[in-house]
Amino acid sequence: MSTFDEREKAFENKFKRDQELQFKVTARRNKLLGLWAAEQMGIKGDAAEAYAKEIVAADLDRAGDSDVVDRVLKDFAAKGVDHDASKVRREMERLMGVAKEQVAKQG
């Protein structure tokens, strides 16, 4: 294997690790967002955990965060919670930092 091949393989491995890390961070952020949203709607305990899992799964519908925001806003409307998209996006941004820290600590 040439130096070029080794270097290419190293870049591919780094890209793969970076993508896996980003997926974990985003999934953690979505779980935290789901728990936050559940709290806003008065959902507690096992039901809150189940709701958080639904929010993580909702992110698989479309690329980007719009599917998650849409789902949370729809659920807020159904429960009479008065939060708009900008509030949800601000919370997502805040929780992204928390998720990065948590995933980094896990190693």
PDB file of N, CA and C in Angstrom:
ATOM      1  N   MET A   1       0.851  -1.175   0.000  1.00  0.00           N
ATOM      2  CA  MET A   1       0.000   0.000   0.000  1.00  0.00           C
ATOM      3  C   MET A   1       0.897   1.238   0.000  1.00  0.00           C
ATOM      4  N   SER A   2       0.619   2.154  -0.884  1.00  0.00           N
ATOM      5  CA  SER A   2       1.429   3.368  -0.988  1.00  0.00           C
ATOM      6  C   SER A   2       1.053   4.368   0.105  1.00  0.00           C
ATOM      7  N   THR A   3       1.886   5.346   0.271  1.00  0.00           N
ATOM      8  CA  THR A   3       1.621   6.410   1.236  1.00  0.00           C
ATOM      9  C   THR A   3       0.320   7.123   0.890  1.00  0.00           C
ATOM     10  N   PHE A   4       0.091   7.327  -0.393  1.00  0.00           N
ATOM     11  CA  PHE A   4      -1.153   7.964  -0.828  1.00  0.00           C
ATOM     12  C   PHE A   4      -2.357   7.120  -0.421  1.00  0.00           C
ATOM     13  N   ASP A   5      -2.284   5.809  -0.638  1.00  0.00           N
ATOM     14  CA  ASP A   5      -3.385   4.912  -0.269  1.00  0.00           C
ATOM     15  C   ASP A   5      -3.621   4.932   1.236  1.00  0.00           C
ATOM     16  N   GLU A   6      -2.545   4.928   2.007  1.00  0.00           N
ATOM     17  CA  GLU A   6      -2.669   4.965   3.466  1.00  0.00           C
ATOM     18  C   GLU A   6      -3.307   6.273   3.922  1.00  0.00           C
ATOM     19  N   ARG A   7      -2.886   7.355   3.296  1.00  0.00           N
ATOM     20  CA  ARG A   7      -3.444   8.659   3.651  1.00  0.00           C
ATOM     21  C   ARG A   7      -4.928   8.726   3.288  1.00  0.00           C
ATOM     22  N   GLU A   8      -5.274   8.211   2.123  1.00  0.00           N
ATOM     23  CA  GLU A   8      -6.676   8.187   1.697  1.00  0.00           C
ATOM     24  C   GLU A   8      -7.515   7.367   2.677  1.00  0.00           C
ATOM     25  N   LYS A   9      -7.007   6.223   3.080  1.00  0.00           N
ATOM     26  CA  LYS A   9      -7.718   5.355   4.029  1.00  0.00           C
ATOM     27  C   LYS A   9      -7.900   6.067   5.373  1.00  0.00           C
ATOM     28  N   ALA A  10      -6.866   6.783   5.819  1.00  0.00           N
ATOM     29  CA  ALA A  10      -6.957   7.524   7.080  1.00  0.00           C
ATOM     30  C   ALA A  10      -8.033   8.603   7.000  1.00  0.00           C
ATOM     31  N   PHE A  11      -8.099   9.327   5.876  1.00  0.00           N
ATOM     32  CA  PHE A  11      -9.140  10.342   5.699  1.00  0.00           C
ATOM     33  C   PHE A  11     -10.528   9.708   5.685  1.00  0.00           C
ATOM     34  N   GLU A  12     -10.667   8.574   5.029  1.00  0.00           N
ATOM     35  CA  GLU A  12     -11.954   7.878   4.990  1.00  0.00           C
ATOM     36  C   GLU A  12     -12.373   7.452   6.391  1.00  0.00           C
ATOM     37  N   ASN A  13     -11.430   6.926   7.165  1.00  0.00           N
ATOM     38  CA  ASN A  13     -11.737   6.502   8.533  1.00  0.00           C
ATOM     39  C   ASN A  13     -12.141   7.687   9.404  1.00  0.00           C
ATOM     40  N   LYS A  14     -11.435   8.812   9.258  1.00  0.00           N
ATOM     41  CA  LYS A  14     -11.777  10.003  10.033  1.00  0.00           C
ATOM     42  C   LYS A  14     -13.165  10.500   9.644  1.00  0.00           C
ATOM     43  N   PHE A  15     -13.458  10.528   8.359  1.00  0.00           N
ATOM     44  CA  PHE A  15     -14.775  10.966   7.898  1.00  0.00           C
ATOM     45  C   PHE A  15     -15.864  10.080   8.497  1.00  0.00           C
ATOM     46  N   LYS A  16     -15.642   8.777   8.485  1.00  0.00           N
ATOM     47  CA  LYS A  16     -16.618   7.834   9.035  1.00  0.00           C
ATOM     48  C   LYS A  16     -16.829   8.085  10.528  1.00  0.00           C
ATOM     49  N   ARG A  17     -15.743   8.260  11.272  1.00  0.00           N
ATOM     50  CA  ARG A  17     -15.858   8.529  12.713  1.00  0.00           C
ATOM     51  C   ARG A  17     -16.593   9.837  12.969  1.00  0.00           C
ATOM     52  N   ASP A  18     -16.265  10.868  12.188  1.00  0.00           N
ATOM     53  CA  ASP A  18     -16.928  12.163  12.349  1.00  0.00           C
ATOM     54  C   ASP A  18     -18.426  12.062  12.076  1.00  0.00           C
ATOM     55  N   GLN A  19     -18.811  11.310  11.055  1.00  0.00           N
ATOM     56  CA  GLN A  19     -20.228  11.133  10.729  1.00  0.00           C
ATOM     57  C   GLN A  19     -20.960  10.377  11.839  1.00  0.00           C
ATOM     58  N   GLU A  20     -20.324   9.342  12.369  1.00  0.00           N
ATOM     59  CA  GLU A  20     -20.923   8.576  13.464  1.00  0.00           C
ATOM     60  C   GLU A  20     -21.094   9.445  14.706  1.00  0.00           C
ATOM     61  N   LEU A  21     -20.088  10.263  14.996  1.00  0.00           N
ATOM     62  CA  LEU A  21     -20.155  11.156  16.145  1.00  0.00           C
ATOM     63  C   LEU A  21     -21.280  12.171  15.967  1.00  0.00           C
ATOM     64  N   GLN A  22     -21.397  12.749  14.778  1.00  0.00           N
ATOM     65  CA  GLN A  22     -22.458  13.720  14.517  1.00  0.00           C
ATOM     66  C   GLN A  22     -23.837  13.073  14.654  1.00  0.00           C
ATOM     67  N   PHE A  23     -23.975  11.840  14.190  1.00  0.00           N
ATOM     68  CA  PHE A  23     -25.244  11.126  14.328  1.00  0.00           C
ATOM     69  C   PHE A  23     -25.588  10.936  15.807  1.00  0.00           C
ATOM     70  N   LYS A  24     -24.603  10.530  16.603  1.00  0.00           N
ATOM     71  CA  LYS A  24     -24.838  10.320  18.038  1.00  0.00           C
ATOM     72  C   LYS A  24     -25.222  11.620  18.732  1.00  0.00           C
ATOM     73  N   VAL A  25     -24.526  12.700  18.398  1.00  0.00           N
ATOM     74  CA  VAL A  25     -24.816  13.994  19.018  1.00  0.00           C
ATOM     75  C   VAL A  25     -26.224  14.457  18.646  1.00  0.00           C
ATOM     76  N   THR A  26     -26.583  14.334  17.385  1.00  0.00           N
ATOM     77  CA  THR A  26     -27.914  14.758  16.944  1.00  0.00           C
ATOM     78  C   THR A  26     -29.004  13.911  17.591  1.00  0.00           C
ATOM     79  N   ALA A  27     -28.785  12.609  17.670  1.00  0.00           N
ATOM     80  CA  ALA A  27     -29.766  11.734  18.323  1.00  0.00           C
ATOM     81  C   ALA A  27     -29.912  12.098  19.799  1.00  0.00           C
ATOM     82  N   ARG A  28     -28.794  12.385  20.466  1.00  0.00           N
ATOM     83  CA  ARG A  28     -28.854  12.783  21.876  1.00  0.00           C
ATOM     84  C   ARG A  28     -29.578  14.110  22.027  1.00  0.00           C
ATOM     85  N   ARG A  29     -29.284  15.062  21.139  1.00  0.00           N
ATOM     86  CA  ARG A  29     -29.979  16.346  21.186  1.00  0.00           C
ATOM     87  C   ARG A  29     -31.486  16.161  21.020  1.00  0.00           C
ATOM     88  N   ASN A  30     -31.871  15.304  20.096  1.00  0.00           N
ATOM     89  CA  ASN A  30     -33.292  15.071  19.864  1.00  0.00           C
ATOM     90  C   ASN A  30     -33.952  14.398  21.057  1.00  0.00           C
ATOM     91  N   LYS A  31     -33.233  13.506  21.716  1.00  0.00           N
ATOM     92  CA  LYS A  31     -33.781  12.879  22.926  1.00  0.00           C
ATOM     93  C   LYS A  31     -33.979  13.934  24.009  1.00  0.00           C
ATOM     94  N   LEU A  32     -32.976  14.779  24.198  1.00  0.00           N
ATOM     95  CA  LEU A  32     -33.090  15.848  25.191  1.00  0.00           C
ATOM     96  C   LEU A  32     -34.222  16.808  24.834  1.00  0.00           C
ATOM     97  N   LEU A  33     -34.371  17.108  23.546  1.00  0.00           N
ATOM     98  CA  LEU A  33     -35.472  17.970  23.109  1.00  0.00           C
ATOM     99  C   LEU A  33     -36.811  17.302  23.403  1.00  0.00           C
ATOM    100  N   GLY A  34     -36.895  16.007  23.150  1.00  0.00           N
ATOM    101  CA  GLY A  34     -38.121  15.272  23.441  1.00  0.00           C
ATOM    102  C   GLY A  34     -38.470  15.307  24.917  1.00  0.00           C
ATOM    103  N   LEU A  35     -37.462  15.178  25.772  1.00  0.00           N
ATOM    104  CA  LEU A  35     -37.703  15.248  27.220  1.00  0.00           C
ATOM    105  C   LEU A  35     -38.140  16.652  27.628  1.00  0.00           C
ATOM    106  N   TRP A  36     -37.508  17.670  27.033  1.00  0.00           N
ATOM    107  CA  TRP A  36     -37.908  19.054  27.302  1.00  0.00           C
ATOM    108  C   TRP A  36     -39.346  19.290  26.848  1.00  0.00           C
ATOM    109  N   ALA A  37     -39.669  18.860  25.637  1.00  0.00           N
ATOM    110  CA  ALA A  37     -41.021  19.052  25.101  1.00  0.00           C
ATOM    111  C   ALA A  37     -42.047  18.307  25.951  1.00  0.00           C
ATOM    112  N   ALA A  38     -41.700  17.104  26.372  1.00  0.00           N
ATOM    113  CA  ALA A  38     -42.610  16.332  27.225  1.00  0.00           C
ATOM    114  C   ALA A  38     -42.899  17.102  28.511  1.00  0.00           C
ATOM    115  N   GLU A  39     -41.857  17.676  29.094  1.00  0.00           N
ATOM    116  CA  GLU A  39     -42.037  18.468  30.318  1.00  0.00           C
ATOM    117  C   GLU A  39     -42.961  19.654  30.065  1.00  0.00           C
ATOM    118  N   GLN A  40     -42.786  20.317  28.923  1.00  0.00           N
ATOM    119  CA  GLN A  40     -43.630  21.461  28.578  1.00  0.00           C
ATOM    120  C   GLN A  40     -45.098  21.056  28.461  1.00  0.00           C
ATOM    121  N   MET A  41     -45.331  19.809  28.058  1.00  0.00           N
ATOM    122  CA  MET A  41     -46.700  19.315  27.872  1.00  0.00           C
ATOM    123  C   MET A  41     -47.234  18.599  29.107  1.00  0.00           C
ATOM    124  N   GLY A  42     -46.437  18.541  30.169  1.00  0.00           N
ATOM    125  CA  GLY A  42     -46.874  17.889  31.398  1.00  0.00           C
ATOM    126  C   GLY A  42     -46.763  16.374  31.359  1.00  0.00           C
ATOM    127  N   ILE A  43     -45.956  15.849  30.462  1.00  0.00           N
ATOM    128  CA  ILE A  43     -45.749  14.400  30.351  1.00  0.00           C
ATOM    129  C   ILE A  43     -44.557  14.035  31.223  1.00  0.00           C
ATOM    130  N   LYS A  44     -44.702  12.985  32.031  1.00  0.00           N
ATOM    131  CA  LYS A  44     -43.643  12.621  32.979  1.00  0.00           C
ATOM    132  C   LYS A  44     -43.317  11.132  32.912  1.00  0.00           C
ATOM    133  N   GLY A  45     -42.208  10.769  33.537  1.00  0.00           N
ATOM    134  CA  GLY A  45     -41.844   9.371  33.727  1.00  0.00           C
ATOM    135  C   GLY A  45     -41.613   8.604  32.443  1.00  0.00           C
ATOM    136  N   ASP A  46     -42.136   7.370  32.437  1.00  0.00           N
ATOM    137  CA  ASP A  46     -41.957   6.487  31.279  1.00  0.00           C
ATOM    138  C   ASP A  46     -42.581   7.073  30.011  1.00  0.00           C
ATOM    139  N   ALA A  47     -43.676   7.787  30.173  1.00  0.00           N
ATOM    140  CA  ALA A  47     -44.327   8.400  29.011  1.00  0.00           C
ATOM    141  C   ALA A  47     -43.422   9.469  28.393  1.00  0.00           C
ATOM    142  N   ALA A  48     -42.686  10.199  29.223  1.00  0.00           N
ATOM    143  CA  ALA A  48     -41.749  11.206  28.715  1.00  0.00           C
ATOM    144  C   ALA A  48     -40.602  10.536  27.965  1.00  0.00           C
ATOM    145  N   GLU A  49     -40.091   9.440  28.505  1.00  0.00           N
ATOM    146  CA  GLU A  49     -39.016   8.694  27.830  1.00  0.00           C
ATOM    147  C   GLU A  49     -39.503   8.156  26.480  1.00  0.00           C
ATOM    148  N   ALA A  50     -40.723   7.632  26.468  1.00  0.00           N
ATOM    149  CA  ALA A  50     -41.287   7.102  25.221  1.00  0.00           C
ATOM    150  C   ALA A  50     -41.465   8.224  24.198  1.00  0.00           C
ATOM    151  N   TYR A  51     -41.920   9.378  24.664  1.00  0.00           N
ATOM    152  CA  TYR A  51     -42.086  10.518  23.759  1.00  0.00           C
ATOM    153  C   TYR A  51     -40.734  10.951  23.192  1.00  0.00           C
ATOM    154  N   ALA A  52     -39.712  10.978  24.027  1.00  0.00           N
ATOM    155  CA  ALA A  52     -38.371  11.362  23.569  1.00  0.00           C
ATOM    156  C   ALA A  52     -37.882  10.415  22.472  1.00  0.00           C
ATOM    157  N   LYS A  53     -38.173   9.133  22.623  1.00  0.00           N
ATOM    158  CA  LYS A  53     -37.788   8.161  21.587  1.00  0.00           C
ATOM    159  C   LYS A  53     -38.529   8.438  20.284  1.00  0.00           C
ATOM    160  N   GLU A  54     -39.787   8.854  20.388  1.00  0.00           N
ATOM    161  CA  GLU A  54     -40.552   9.201  19.186  1.00  0.00           C
ATOM    162  C   GLU A  54     -39.933  10.401  18.466  1.00  0.00           C
ATOM    163  N   ILE A  55     -39.425  11.355  19.239  1.00  0.00           N
ATOM    164  CA  ILE A  55     -38.795  12.535  18.641  1.00  0.00           C
ATOM    165  C   ILE A  55     -37.498  12.146  17.940  1.00  0.00           C
ATOM    166  N   VAL A  56     -36.731  11.252  18.541  1.00  0.00           N
ATOM    167  CA  VAL A  56     -35.508  10.762  17.888  1.00  0.00           C
ATOM    168  C   VAL A  56     -35.872  10.094  16.563  1.00  0.00           C
ATOM    169  N   ALA A  57     -36.906   9.274  16.568  1.00  0.00           N
ATOM    170  CA  ALA A  57     -37.335   8.579  15.348  1.00  0.00           C
ATOM    171  C   ALA A  57     -37.872   9.562  14.307  1.00  0.00           C
ATOM    172  N   ALA A  58     -38.487  10.646  14.758  1.00  0.00           N
ATOM    173  CA  ALA A  58     -39.051  11.631  13.829  1.00  0.00           C
ATOM    174  C   ALA A  58     -37.969  12.277  12.976  1.00  0.00           C
ATOM    175  N   ASP A  59     -36.741  12.311  13.479  1.00  0.00           N
ATOM    176  CA  ASP A  59     -35.648  12.941  12.727  1.00  0.00           C
ATOM    177  C   ASP A  59     -35.245  12.124  11.514  1.00  0.00           C
ATOM    178  N   LEU A  60     -35.706  10.909  11.413  1.00  0.00           N
ATOM    179  CA  LEU A  60     -35.348  10.051  10.288  1.00  0.00           C
ATOM    180  C   LEU A  60     -36.266  10.266   9.088  1.00  0.00           C
ATOM    181  N   ASP A  61     -37.313  11.078   9.253  1.00  0.00           N
ATOM    182  CA  ASP A  61     -38.282  11.310   8.177  1.00  0.00           C
ATOM    183  C   ASP A  61     -37.697  12.103   7.016  1.00  0.00           C
ATOM    184  N   ARG A  62     -37.052  13.241   7.321  1.00  0.00           N
ATOM    185  CA  ARG A  62     -36.499  14.124   6.292  1.00  0.00           C
ATOM    186  C   ARG A  62     -35.126  14.603   6.732  1.00  0.00           C
ATOM    187  N   ALA A  63     -34.326  15.011   5.774  1.00  0.00           N
ATOM    188  CA  ALA A  63     -33.021  15.586   6.108  1.00  0.00           C
ATOM    189  C   ALA A  63     -33.228  16.921   6.815  1.00  0.00           C
ATOM    190  N   GLY A  64     -32.365  17.233   7.750  1.00  0.00           N
ATOM    191  CA  GLY A  64     -32.463  18.493   8.475  1.00  0.00           C
ATOM    192  C   GLY A  64     -33.326  18.363   9.713  1.00  0.00           C
ATOM    193  N   ASP A  65     -33.527  19.489  10.366  1.00  0.00           N
ATOM    194  CA  ASP A  65     -34.239  19.511  11.639  1.00  0.00           C
ATOM    195  C   ASP A  65     -35.723  19.822  11.510  1.00  0.00           C
ATOM    196  N   SER A  66     -36.184  20.156  10.315  1.00  0.00           N
ATOM    197  CA  SER A  66     -37.570  20.608  10.167  1.00  0.00           C
ATOM    198  C   SER A  66     -38.583  19.546  10.569  1.00  0.00           C
ATOM    199  N   ASP A  67     -38.271  18.277  10.339  1.00  0.00           N
ATOM    200  CA  ASP A  67     -39.212  17.224  10.725  1.00  0.00           C
ATOM    201  C   ASP A  67     -39.385  17.165  12.237  1.00  0.00           C
ATOM    202  N   VAL A  68     -38.310  17.379  12.971  1.00  0.00           N
ATOM    203  CA  VAL A  68     -38.380  17.363  14.433  1.00  0.00           C
ATOM    204  C   VAL A  68     -39.156  18.581  14.930  1.00  0.00           C
ATOM    205  N   VAL A  69     -38.827  19.751  14.402  1.00  0.00           N
ATOM    206  CA  VAL A  69     -39.525  20.973  14.803  1.00  0.00           C
ATOM    207  C   VAL A  69     -41.013  20.852  14.498  1.00  0.00           C
ATOM    208  N   ASP A  70     -41.354  20.388  13.305  1.00  0.00           N
ATOM    209  CA  ASP A  70     -42.764  20.228  12.924  1.00  0.00           C
ATOM    210  C   ASP A  70     -43.491  19.288  13.872  1.00  0.00           C
ATOM    211  N   ARG A  71     -42.861  18.183  14.224  1.00  0.00           N
ATOM    212  CA  ARG A  71     -43.494  17.204  15.118  1.00  0.00           C
ATOM    213  C   ARG A  71     -43.740  17.812  16.499  1.00  0.00           C
ATOM    214  N   VAL A  72     -42.731  18.477  17.040  1.00  0.00           N
ATOM    215  CA  VAL A  72     -42.884  19.074  18.370  1.00  0.00           C
ATOM    216  C   VAL A  72     -43.966  20.151  18.346  1.00  0.00           C
ATOM    217  N   LEU A  73     -43.970  20.994  17.318  1.00  0.00           N
ATOM    218  CA  LEU A  73     -44.989  22.045  17.232  1.00  0.00           C
ATOM    219  C   LEU A  73     -46.393  21.461  17.105  1.00  0.00           C
ATOM    220  N   LYS A  74     -46.523  20.393  16.341  1.00  0.00           N
ATOM    221  CA  LYS A  74     -47.830  19.731  16.194  1.00  0.00           C
ATOM    222  C   LYS A  74     -48.299  19.202  17.551  1.00  0.00           C
ATOM    223  N   ASP A  75     -47.386  18.585  18.287  1.00  0.00           N
ATOM    224  CA  ASP A  75     -47.734  18.048  19.602  1.00  0.00           C
ATOM    225  C   ASP A  75     -48.042  19.162  20.599  1.00  0.00           C
ATOM    226  N   PHE A  76     -47.278  20.258  20.527  1.00  0.00           N
ATOM    227  CA  PHE A  76     -47.567  21.401  21.392  1.00  0.00           C
ATOM    228  C   PHE A  76     -48.963  21.939  21.114  1.00  0.00           C
ATOM    229  N   ALA A  77     -49.306  22.084  19.845  1.00  0.00           N
ATOM    230  CA  ALA A  77     -50.626  22.605  19.482  1.00  0.00           C
ATOM    231  C   ALA A  77     -51.730  21.698  20.013  1.00  0.00           C
ATOM    232  N   ALA A  78     -51.522  20.388  19.915  1.00  0.00           N
ATOM    233  CA  ALA A  78     -52.531  19.437  20.392  1.00  0.00           C
ATOM    234  C   ALA A  78     -52.718  19.522  21.903  1.00  0.00           C
ATOM    235  N   LYS A  79     -51.653  19.886  22.616  1.00  0.00           N
ATOM    236  CA  LYS A  79     -51.718  19.973  24.085  1.00  0.00           C
ATOM    237  C   LYS A  79     -51.936  21.398  24.580  1.00  0.00           C
ATOM    238  N   GLY A  80     -52.061  22.353  23.655  1.00  0.00           N
ATOM    239  CA  GLY A  80     -52.302  23.735  24.049  1.00  0.00           C
ATOM    240  C   GLY A  80     -51.080  24.455  24.595  1.00  0.00           C
ATOM    241  N   VAL A  81     -49.885  24.002  24.226  1.00  0.00           N
ATOM    242  CA  VAL A  81     -48.650  24.661  24.664  1.00  0.00           C
ATOM    243  C   VAL A  81     -48.330  25.777  23.672  1.00  0.00           C
ATOM    244  N   ASP A  82     -48.138  26.985  24.185  1.00  0.00           N
ATOM    245  CA  ASP A  82     -47.954  28.163  23.337  1.00  0.00           C
ATOM    246  C   ASP A  82     -46.471  28.461  23.110  1.00  0.00           C
ATOM    247  N   HIS A  83     -45.812  27.637  22.300  1.00  0.00           N
ATOM    248  CA  HIS A  83     -44.422  27.872  21.887  1.00  0.00           C
ATOM    249  C   HIS A  83     -44.393  27.866  20.367  1.00  0.00           C
ATOM    250  N   ASP A  84     -43.577  28.757  19.800  1.00  0.00           N
ATOM    251  CA  ASP A  84     -43.461  28.808  18.344  1.00  0.00           C
ATOM    252  C   ASP A  84     -42.169  28.134  17.884  1.00  0.00           C
ATOM    253  N   ALA A  85     -41.973  28.106  16.571  1.00  0.00           N
ATOM    254  CA  ALA A  85     -40.817  27.424  15.989  1.00  0.00           C
ATOM    255  C   ALA A  85     -39.504  28.023  16.470  1.00  0.00           C
ATOM    256  N   SER A  86     -39.459  29.339  16.646  1.00  0.00           N
ATOM    257  CA  SER A  86     -38.205  29.957  17.083  1.00  0.00           C
ATOM    258  C   SER A  86     -37.838  29.511  18.497  1.00  0.00           C
ATOM    259  N   LYS A  87     -38.818  29.335  19.348  1.00  0.00           N
ATOM    260  CA  LYS A  87     -38.556  28.842  20.717  1.00  0.00           C
ATOM    261  C   LYS A  87     -38.009  27.416  20.653  1.00  0.00           C
ATOM    262  N   VAL A  88     -38.615  26.576  19.834  1.00  0.00           N
ATOM    263  CA  VAL A  88     -38.166  25.185  19.709  1.00  0.00           C
ATOM    264  C   VAL A  88     -36.755  25.148  19.124  1.00  0.00           C
ATOM    265  N   ARG A  89     -36.491  25.949  18.118  1.00  0.00           N
ATOM    266  CA  ARG A  89     -35.148  25.972  17.501  1.00  0.00           C
ATOM    267  C   ARG A  89     -34.088  26.499  18.471  1.00  0.00           C
ATOM    268  N   ARG A  90     -34.437  27.503  19.272  1.00  0.00           N
ATOM    269  CA  ARG A  90     -33.485  27.994  20.282  1.00  0.00           C
ATOM    270  C   ARG A  90     -33.158  26.894  21.282  1.00  0.00           C
ATOM    271  N   GLU A  91     -34.174  26.156  21.691  1.00  0.00           N
ATOM    272  CA  GLU A  91     -33.947  25.057  22.636  1.00  0.00           C
ATOM    273  C   GLU A  91     -33.105  23.964  21.980  1.00  0.00           C
ATOM    274  N   MET A  92     -33.361  23.687  20.713  1.00  0.00           N
ATOM    275  CA  MET A  92     -32.549  22.699  19.989  1.00  0.00           C
ATOM    276  C   MET A  92     -31.083  23.126  19.960  1.00  0.00           C
ATOM    277  N   GLU A  93     -30.858  24.407  19.714  1.00  0.00           N
ATOM    278  CA  GLU A  93     -29.485  24.923  19.659  1.00  0.00           C
ATOM    279  C   GLU A  93     -28.808  24.787  21.020  1.00  0.00           C
ATOM    280  N   ARG A  94     -29.515  25.146  22.070  1.00  0.00           N
ATOM    281  CA  ARG A  94     -28.966  25.023  23.420  1.00  0.00           C
ATOM    282  C   ARG A  94     -28.645  23.567  23.738  1.00  0.00           C
ATOM    283  N   LEU A  95     -29.571  22.686  23.389  1.00  0.00           N
ATOM    284  CA  LEU A  95     -29.392  21.265  23.696  1.00  0.00           C
ATOM    285  C   LEU A  95     -28.318  20.612  22.839  1.00  0.00           C
ATOM    286  N   MET A  96     -28.002  21.184  21.678  1.00  0.00           N
ATOM    287  CA  MET A  96     -26.911  20.645  20.864  1.00  0.00           C
ATOM    288  C   MET A  96     -25.602  20.742  21.634  1.00  0.00           C
ATOM    289  N   GLY A  97     -25.388  21.854  22.319  1.00  0.00           N
ATOM    290  CA  GLY A  97     -24.190  22.004  23.141  1.00  0.00           C
ATOM    291  C   GLY A  97     -24.151  20.999  24.275  1.00  0.00           C
ATOM    292  N   VAL A  98     -25.285  20.795  24.922  1.00  0.00           N
ATOM    293  CA  VAL A  98     -25.377  19.815  26.008  1.00  0.00           C
ATOM    294  C   VAL A  98     -25.095  18.416  25.468  1.00  0.00           C
ATOM    295  N   ALA A  99     -25.678  18.097  24.331  1.00  0.00           N
ATOM    296  CA  ALA A  99     -25.494  16.769  23.731  1.00  0.00           C
ATOM    297  C   ALA A  99     -24.037  16.530  23.364  1.00  0.00           C
ATOM    298  N   LYS A 100     -23.368  17.541  22.813  1.00  0.00           N
ATOM    299  CA  LYS A 100     -21.948  17.398  22.463  1.00  0.00           C
ATOM    300  C   LYS A 100     -21.123  17.078  23.698  1.00  0.00           C
ATOM    301  N   GLU A 101     -21.396  17.784  24.791  1.00  0.00           N
ATOM    302  CA  GLU A 101     -20.673  17.529  26.038  1.00  0.00           C
ATOM    303  C   GLU A 101     -20.936  16.115  26.541  1.00  0.00           C
ATOM    304  N   GLN A 102     -22.184  15.695  26.533  1.00  0.00           N
ATOM    305  CA  GLN A 102     -22.530  14.366  27.036  1.00  0.00           C
ATOM    306  C   GLN A 102     -21.889  13.266  26.201  1.00  0.00           C
ATOM    307  N   VAL A 103     -21.946  13.391  24.891  1.00  0.00           N
ATOM    308  CA  VAL A 103     -21.363  12.371  24.012  1.00  0.00           C
ATOM    309  C   VAL A 103     -19.842  12.352  24.166  1.00  0.00           C
ATOM    310  N   ALA A 104     -19.230  13.528  24.308  1.00  0.00           N
ATOM    311  CA  ALA A 104     -17.773  13.598  24.483  1.00  0.00           C
ATOM    312  C   ALA A 104     -17.348  12.916  25.779  1.00  0.00           C
ATOM    313  N   LYS A 105     -18.136  13.070  26.835  1.00  0.00           N
ATOM    314  CA  LYS A 105     -17.817  12.440  28.124  1.00  0.00           C
ATOM    315  C   LYS A 105     -17.938  10.924  28.055  1.00  0.00           C
ATOM    316  N   GLN A 106     -18.841  10.448  27.202  1.00  0.00           N
ATOM    317  CA  GLN A 106     -19.017   9.001  27.056  1.00  0.00           C
ATOM    318  C   GLN A 106     -17.822   8.364  26.373  1.00  0.00           C
ATOM    319  N   GLY A 107     -17.123   9.149  25.591  1.00  0.00           N
ATOM    320  CA  GLY A 107     -15.930   8.645  24.901  1.00  0.00           C
ATOM    321  C   GLY A 107     -16.268   8.023  23.647  1.00  0.00           C
TER     322      GLY A 107
END
